[in-house]
Amino acid sequence: MEPKRLYRSRKDRIVCGVCGGVANYFNVDPTLIRLAFVLFGCTGTGILAYLVAAVIVPDEP
C-alpha cells in the first residue's frame, strides 16, 4: 500500500494550493482549513506557516 503524501492542490487553490492540499490529506472541506489559516494568520503564525508550506510542500503530480 502506498503511503499518503501531502501535496499542494492544483485544482483546489486560491493562492498556492496549500489549504486545498492539507484538506485533501485530512479528507475535510478546504473552507475549514482556510478559516483555520485565517485565524492563525491574525497572530502572524499562520502567515509564516503558509509561506513555509508553500515553499516546502510539492505540487500534485
PDB file of N, CA and C in Angstrom:
ATOM      1  N   MET A   1       0.828  -1.174   0.000  1.00  0.00           N
ATOM      2  CA  MET A   1       0.000   0.000   0.000  1.00  0.00           C
ATOM      3  C   MET A   1       0.879   1.246   0.000  1.00  0.00           C
ATOM      4  N   GLU A   2       0.554   2.174  -0.852  1.00  0.00           N
ATOM      5  CA  GLU A   2       1.343   3.400  -0.988  1.00  0.00           C
ATOM      6  C   GLU A   2       1.045   4.363   0.168  1.00  0.00           C
ATOM      7  N   PRO A   3       2.095   4.954   0.777  1.00  0.00           N
ATOM      8  CA  PRO A   3       1.842   5.878   1.886  1.00  0.00           C
ATOM      9  C   PRO A   3       1.160   7.161   1.401  1.00  0.00           C
ATOM     10  N   LYS A   4       0.399   7.752   2.299  1.00  0.00           N
ATOM     11  CA  LYS A   4      -0.300   9.002   1.995  1.00  0.00           C
ATOM     12  C   LYS A   4       0.715  10.140   1.996  1.00  0.00           C
ATOM     13  N   ARG A   5       0.644  11.025   1.005  1.00  0.00           N
ATOM     14  CA  ARG A   5       1.583  12.142   0.902  1.00  0.00           C
ATOM     15  C   ARG A   5       0.840  13.459   0.832  1.00  0.00           C
ATOM     16  N   LEU A   6       1.478  14.481   1.341  1.00  0.00           N
ATOM     17  CA  LEU A   6       0.909  15.829   1.324  1.00  0.00           C
ATOM     18  C   LEU A   6       1.423  16.561   0.094  1.00  0.00           C
ATOM     19  N   TYR A   7       0.499  17.056  -0.716  1.00  0.00           N
ATOM     20  CA  TYR A   7       0.823  17.834  -1.906  1.00  0.00           C
ATOM     21  C   TYR A   7       0.001  19.107  -1.909  1.00  0.00           C
ATOM     22  N   ARG A   8       0.522  20.137  -2.569  1.00  0.00           N
ATOM     23  CA  ARG A   8      -0.282  21.336  -2.819  1.00  0.00           C
ATOM     24  C   ARG A   8      -1.263  21.010  -3.931  1.00  0.00           C
ATOM     25  N   SER A   9      -2.494  21.433  -3.760  1.00  0.00           N
ATOM     26  CA  SER A   9      -3.543  21.117  -4.719  1.00  0.00           C
ATOM     27  C   SER A   9      -3.390  21.958  -5.983  1.00  0.00           C
ATOM     28  N   ARG A  10      -3.609  21.333  -7.134  1.00  0.00           N
ATOM     29  CA  ARG A  10      -3.581  22.059  -8.405  1.00  0.00           C
ATOM     30  C   ARG A  10      -4.956  22.586  -8.785  1.00  0.00           C
ATOM     31  N   LYS A  11      -6.016  21.861  -8.398  1.00  0.00           N
ATOM     32  CA  LYS A  11      -7.355  22.255  -8.830  1.00  0.00           C
ATOM     33  C   LYS A  11      -8.126  23.003  -7.749  1.00  0.00           C
ATOM     34  N   ASP A  12      -7.748  22.848  -6.484  1.00  0.00           N
ATOM     35  CA  ASP A  12      -8.453  23.494  -5.387  1.00  0.00           C
ATOM     36  C   ASP A  12      -7.537  24.513  -4.720  1.00  0.00           C
ATOM     37  N   ARG A  13      -7.126  25.511  -5.493  1.00  0.00           N
ATOM     38  CA  ARG A  13      -6.203  26.506  -4.962  1.00  0.00           C
ATOM     39  C   ARG A  13      -6.764  27.904  -5.134  1.00  0.00           C
ATOM     40  N   ILE A  14      -6.415  28.757  -4.183  1.00  0.00           N
ATOM     41  CA  ILE A  14      -6.752  30.174  -4.282  1.00  0.00           C
ATOM     42  C   ILE A  14      -5.455  30.965  -4.423  1.00  0.00           C
ATOM     43  N   VAL A  15      -4.485  30.688  -3.565  1.00  0.00           N
ATOM     44  CA  VAL A  15      -3.188  31.366  -3.663  1.00  0.00           C
ATOM     45  C   VAL A  15      -2.126  30.380  -4.143  1.00  0.00           C
ATOM     46  N   CYS A  16      -1.730  29.455  -3.294  1.00  0.00           N
ATOM     47  CA  CYS A  16      -0.688  28.482  -3.660  1.00  0.00           C
ATOM     48  C   CYS A  16      -1.165  27.043  -3.598  1.00  0.00           C
ATOM     49  N   GLY A  17      -2.344  26.777  -3.080  1.00  0.00           N
ATOM     50  CA  GLY A  17      -2.869  25.426  -3.003  1.00  0.00           C
ATOM     51  C   GLY A  17      -2.536  24.682  -1.734  1.00  0.00           C
ATOM     52  N   VAL A  18      -1.963  25.379  -0.755  1.00  0.00           N
ATOM     53  CA  VAL A  18      -1.579  24.718   0.490  1.00  0.00           C
ATOM     54  C   VAL A  18      -2.817  24.255   1.254  1.00  0.00           C
ATOM     55  N   CYS A  19      -3.794  25.117   1.412  1.00  0.00           N
ATOM     56  CA  CYS A  19      -5.003  24.758   2.164  1.00  0.00           C
ATOM     57  C   CYS A  19      -5.770  23.636   1.470  1.00  0.00           C
ATOM     58  N   GLY A  20      -5.851  23.686   0.164  1.00  0.00           N
ATOM     59  CA  GLY A  20      -6.510  22.613  -0.579  1.00  0.00           C
ATOM     60  C   GLY A  20      -5.786  21.291  -0.417  1.00  0.00           C
ATOM     61  N   GLY A  21      -4.468  21.329  -0.405  1.00  0.00           N
ATOM     62  CA  GLY A  21      -3.679  20.116  -0.219  1.00  0.00           C
ATOM     63  C   GLY A  21      -3.819  19.537   1.172  1.00  0.00           C
ATOM     64  N   VAL A  22      -3.814  20.402   2.174  1.00  0.00           N
ATOM     65  CA  VAL A  22      -3.995  19.935   3.551  1.00  0.00           C
ATOM     66  C   VAL A  22      -5.392  19.350   3.724  1.00  0.00           C
ATOM     67  N   ALA A  23      -6.393  19.975   3.125  1.00  0.00           N
ATOM     68  CA  ALA A  23      -7.758  19.465   3.199  1.00  0.00           C
ATOM     69  C   ALA A  23      -7.873  18.107   2.517  1.00  0.00           C
ATOM     70  N   ASN A  24      -7.226  17.938   1.376  1.00  0.00           N
ATOM     71  CA  ASN A  24      -7.240  16.638   0.703  1.00  0.00           C
ATOM     72  C   ASN A  24      -6.549  15.572   1.542  1.00  0.00           C
ATOM     73  N   TYR A  25      -5.468  15.942   2.194  1.00  0.00           N
ATOM     74  CA  TYR A  25      -4.708  14.994   3.013  1.00  0.00           C
ATOM     75  C   TYR A  25      -5.549  14.499   4.188  1.00  0.00           C
ATOM     76  N   PHE A  26      -6.263  15.419   4.864  1.00  0.00           N
ATOM     77  CA  PHE A  26      -7.076  15.053   6.020  1.00  0.00           C
ATOM     78  C   PHE A  26      -8.522  14.730   5.653  1.00  0.00           C
ATOM     79  N   ASN A  27      -8.856  14.837   4.377  1.00  0.00           N
ATOM     80  CA  ASN A  27     -10.185  14.495   3.866  1.00  0.00           C
ATOM     81  C   ASN A  27     -11.276  15.331   4.535  1.00  0.00           C
ATOM     82  N   VAL A  28     -11.060  16.667   4.569  1.00  0.00           N
ATOM     83  CA  VAL A  28     -12.040  17.605   5.112  1.00  0.00           C
ATOM     84  C   VAL A  28     -12.309  18.691   4.081  1.00  0.00           C
ATOM     85  N   ASP A  29     -13.269  19.542   4.373  1.00  0.00           N
ATOM     86  CA  ASP A  29     -13.617  20.640   3.485  1.00  0.00           C
ATOM     87  C   ASP A  29     -12.498  21.694   3.491  1.00  0.00           C
ATOM     88  N   PRO A  30     -12.032  22.147   2.328  1.00  0.00           N
ATOM     89  CA  PRO A  30     -10.968  23.141   2.274  1.00  0.00           C
ATOM     90  C   PRO A  30     -11.330  24.468   2.942  1.00  0.00           C
ATOM     91  N   THR A  31     -12.625  24.787   2.998  1.00  0.00           N
ATOM     92  CA  THR A  31     -13.041  26.034   3.631  1.00  0.00           C
ATOM     93  C   THR A  31     -12.690  26.035   5.120  1.00  0.00           C
ATOM     94  N   LEU A  32     -12.806  24.902   5.774  1.00  0.00           N
ATOM     95  CA  LEU A  32     -12.450  24.816   7.191  1.00  0.00           C
ATOM     96  C   LEU A  32     -10.962  25.061   7.405  1.00  0.00           C
ATOM     97  N   ILE A  33     -10.144  24.518   6.534  1.00  0.00           N
ATOM     98  CA  ILE A  33      -8.699  24.705   6.636  1.00  0.00           C
ATOM     99  C   ILE A  33      -8.350  26.171   6.368  1.00  0.00           C
ATOM    100  N   ARG A  34      -9.000  26.766   5.384  1.00  0.00           N
ATOM    101  CA  ARG A  34      -8.753  28.175   5.078  1.00  0.00           C
ATOM    102  C   ARG A  34      -9.131  29.070   6.250  1.00  0.00           C
ATOM    103  N   LEU A  35     -10.258  28.779   6.895  1.00  0.00           N
ATOM    104  CA  LEU A  35     -10.664  29.552   8.073  1.00  0.00           C
ATOM    105  C   LEU A  35      -9.654  29.414   9.207  1.00  0.00           C
ATOM    106  N   ALA A  36      -9.130  28.209   9.392  1.00  0.00           N
ATOM    107  CA  ALA A  36      -8.123  27.991  10.431  1.00  0.00           C
ATOM    108  C   ALA A  36      -6.859  28.800  10.125  1.00  0.00           C
ATOM    109  N   PHE A  37      -6.428  28.826   8.852  1.00  0.00           N
ATOM    110  CA  PHE A  37      -5.251  29.613   8.490  1.00  0.00           C
ATOM    111  C   PHE A  37      -5.497  31.102   8.682  1.00  0.00           C
ATOM    112  N   VAL A  38      -6.720  31.561   8.426  1.00  0.00           N
ATOM    113  CA  VAL A  38      -7.043  32.976   8.642  1.00  0.00           C
ATOM    114  C   VAL A  38      -6.984  33.299  10.128  1.00  0.00           C
ATOM    115  N   LEU A  39      -7.536  32.414  10.967  1.00  0.00           N
ATOM    116  CA  LEU A  39      -7.485  32.653  12.412  1.00  0.00           C
ATOM    117  C   LEU A  39      -6.053  32.677  12.928  1.00  0.00           C
ATOM    118  N   PHE A  40      -5.232  31.730  12.468  1.00  0.00           N
ATOM    119  CA  PHE A  40      -3.828  31.732  12.872  1.00  0.00           C
ATOM    120  C   PHE A  40      -3.069  32.888  12.225  1.00  0.00           C
ATOM    121  N   GLY A  41      -3.548  33.346  11.085  1.00  0.00           N
ATOM    122  CA  GLY A  41      -2.911  34.473  10.407  1.00  0.00           C
ATOM    123  C   GLY A  41      -3.020  35.764  11.187  1.00  0.00           C
ATOM    124  N   CYS A  42      -4.059  35.875  11.995  1.00  0.00           N
ATOM    125  CA  CYS A  42      -4.224  37.068  12.826  1.00  0.00           C
ATOM    126  C   CYS A  42      -3.108  37.193  13.854  1.00  0.00           C
ATOM    127  N   THR A  43      -2.499  36.085  14.228  1.00  0.00           N
ATOM    128  CA  THR A  43      -1.404  36.121  15.191  1.00  0.00           C
ATOM    129  C   THR A  43      -0.048  36.199  14.496  1.00  0.00           C
ATOM    130  N   GLY A  44      -0.020  36.023  13.197  1.00  0.00           N
ATOM    131  CA  GLY A  44       1.242  36.040  12.463  1.00  0.00           C
ATOM    132  C   GLY A  44       1.790  34.643  12.232  1.00  0.00           C
ATOM    133  N   THR A  45       1.383  33.699  13.053  1.00  0.00           N
ATOM    134  CA  THR A  45       1.868  32.324  12.933  1.00  0.00           C
ATOM    135  C   THR A  45       1.368  31.672  11.654  1.00  0.00           C
ATOM    136  N   GLY A  46       0.118  31.915  11.307  1.00  0.00           N
ATOM    137  CA  GLY A  46      -0.476  31.308  10.115  1.00  0.00           C
ATOM    138  C   GLY A  46       0.182  31.776   8.834  1.00  0.00           C
ATOM    139  N   ILE A  47       0.541  33.048   8.792  1.00  0.00           N
ATOM    140  CA  ILE A  47       1.188  33.594   7.596  1.00  0.00           C
ATOM    141  C   ILE A  47       2.543  32.932   7.391  1.00  0.00           C
ATOM    142  N   LEU A  48       3.297  32.823   8.457  1.00  0.00           N
ATOM    143  CA  LEU A  48       4.612  32.182   8.369  1.00  0.00           C
ATOM    144  C   LEU A  48       4.476  30.706   8.010  1.00  0.00           C
ATOM    145  N   ALA A  49       3.515  30.011   8.625  1.00  0.00           N
ATOM    146  CA  ALA A  49       3.312  28.595   8.332  1.00  0.00           C
ATOM    147  C   ALA A  49       2.896  28.399   6.881  1.00  0.00           C
ATOM    148  N   TYR A  50       2.035  29.261   6.370  1.00  0.00           N
ATOM    149  CA  TYR A  50       1.583  29.149   4.984  1.00  0.00           C
ATOM    150  C   TYR A  50       2.745  29.364   4.019  1.00  0.00           C
ATOM    151  N   LEU A  51       3.563  30.370   4.278  1.00  0.00           N
ATOM    152  CA  LEU A  51       4.706  30.641   3.396  1.00  0.00           C
ATOM    153  C   LEU A  51       5.713  29.498   3.409  1.00  0.00           C
ATOM    154  N   VAL A  52       5.964  28.949   4.571  1.00  0.00           N
ATOM    155  CA  VAL A  52       6.895  27.816   4.673  1.00  0.00           C
ATOM    156  C   VAL A  52       6.320  26.606   3.932  1.00  0.00           C
ATOM    157  N   ALA A  53       5.036  26.339   4.118  1.00  0.00           N
ATOM    158  CA  ALA A  53       4.409  25.204   3.443  1.00  0.00           C
ATOM    159  C   ALA A  53       4.371  25.407   1.934  1.00  0.00           C
ATOM    160  N   ALA A  54       4.165  26.642   1.476  1.00  0.00           N
ATOM    161  CA  ALA A  54       4.137  26.919   0.040  1.00  0.00           C
ATOM    162  C   ALA A  54       5.493  26.649  -0.602  1.00  0.00           C
ATOM    163  N   VAL A  55       6.561  26.818   0.156  1.00  0.00           N
ATOM    164  CA  VAL A  55       7.901  26.578  -0.373  1.00  0.00           C
ATOM    165  C   VAL A  55       8.280  25.098  -0.277  1.00  0.00           C
ATOM    166  N   ILE A  56       7.919  24.446   0.824  1.00  0.00           N
ATOM    167  CA  ILE A  56       8.377  23.082   1.090  1.00  0.00           C
ATOM    168  C   ILE A  56       7.512  22.014   0.433  1.00  0.00           C
ATOM    169  N   VAL A  57       6.188  22.168   0.483  1.00  0.00           N
ATOM    170  CA  VAL A  57       5.273  21.126   0.001  1.00  0.00           C
ATOM    171  C   VAL A  57       5.250  21.135  -1.536  1.00  0.00           C
ATOM    172  N   PRO A  58       5.472  19.987  -2.173  1.00  0.00           N
ATOM    173  CA  PRO A  58       5.481  19.945  -3.637  1.00  0.00           C
ATOM    174  C   PRO A  58       4.077  19.976  -4.244  1.00  0.00           C
ATOM    175  N   ASP A  59       3.989  20.357  -5.522  1.00  0.00           N
ATOM    176  CA  ASP A  59       2.717  20.313  -6.239  1.00  0.00           C
ATOM    177  C   ASP A  59       2.295  18.880  -6.482  1.00  0.00           C
ATOM    178  N   GLU A  60       0.986  18.695  -6.715  1.00  0.00           N
ATOM    179  CA  GLU A  60       0.489  17.366  -7.070  1.00  0.00           C
ATOM    180  C   GLU A  60       1.123  16.912  -8.369  1.00  0.00           C
ATOM    181  N   PRO A  61       1.426  15.625  -8.462  1.00  0.00           N
ATOM    182  CA  PRO A  61       1.988  15.135  -9.727  1.00  0.00           C
ATOM    183  C   PRO A  61       0.936  15.083 -10.825  1.00  0.00           C
TER     184      PRO A  61
END
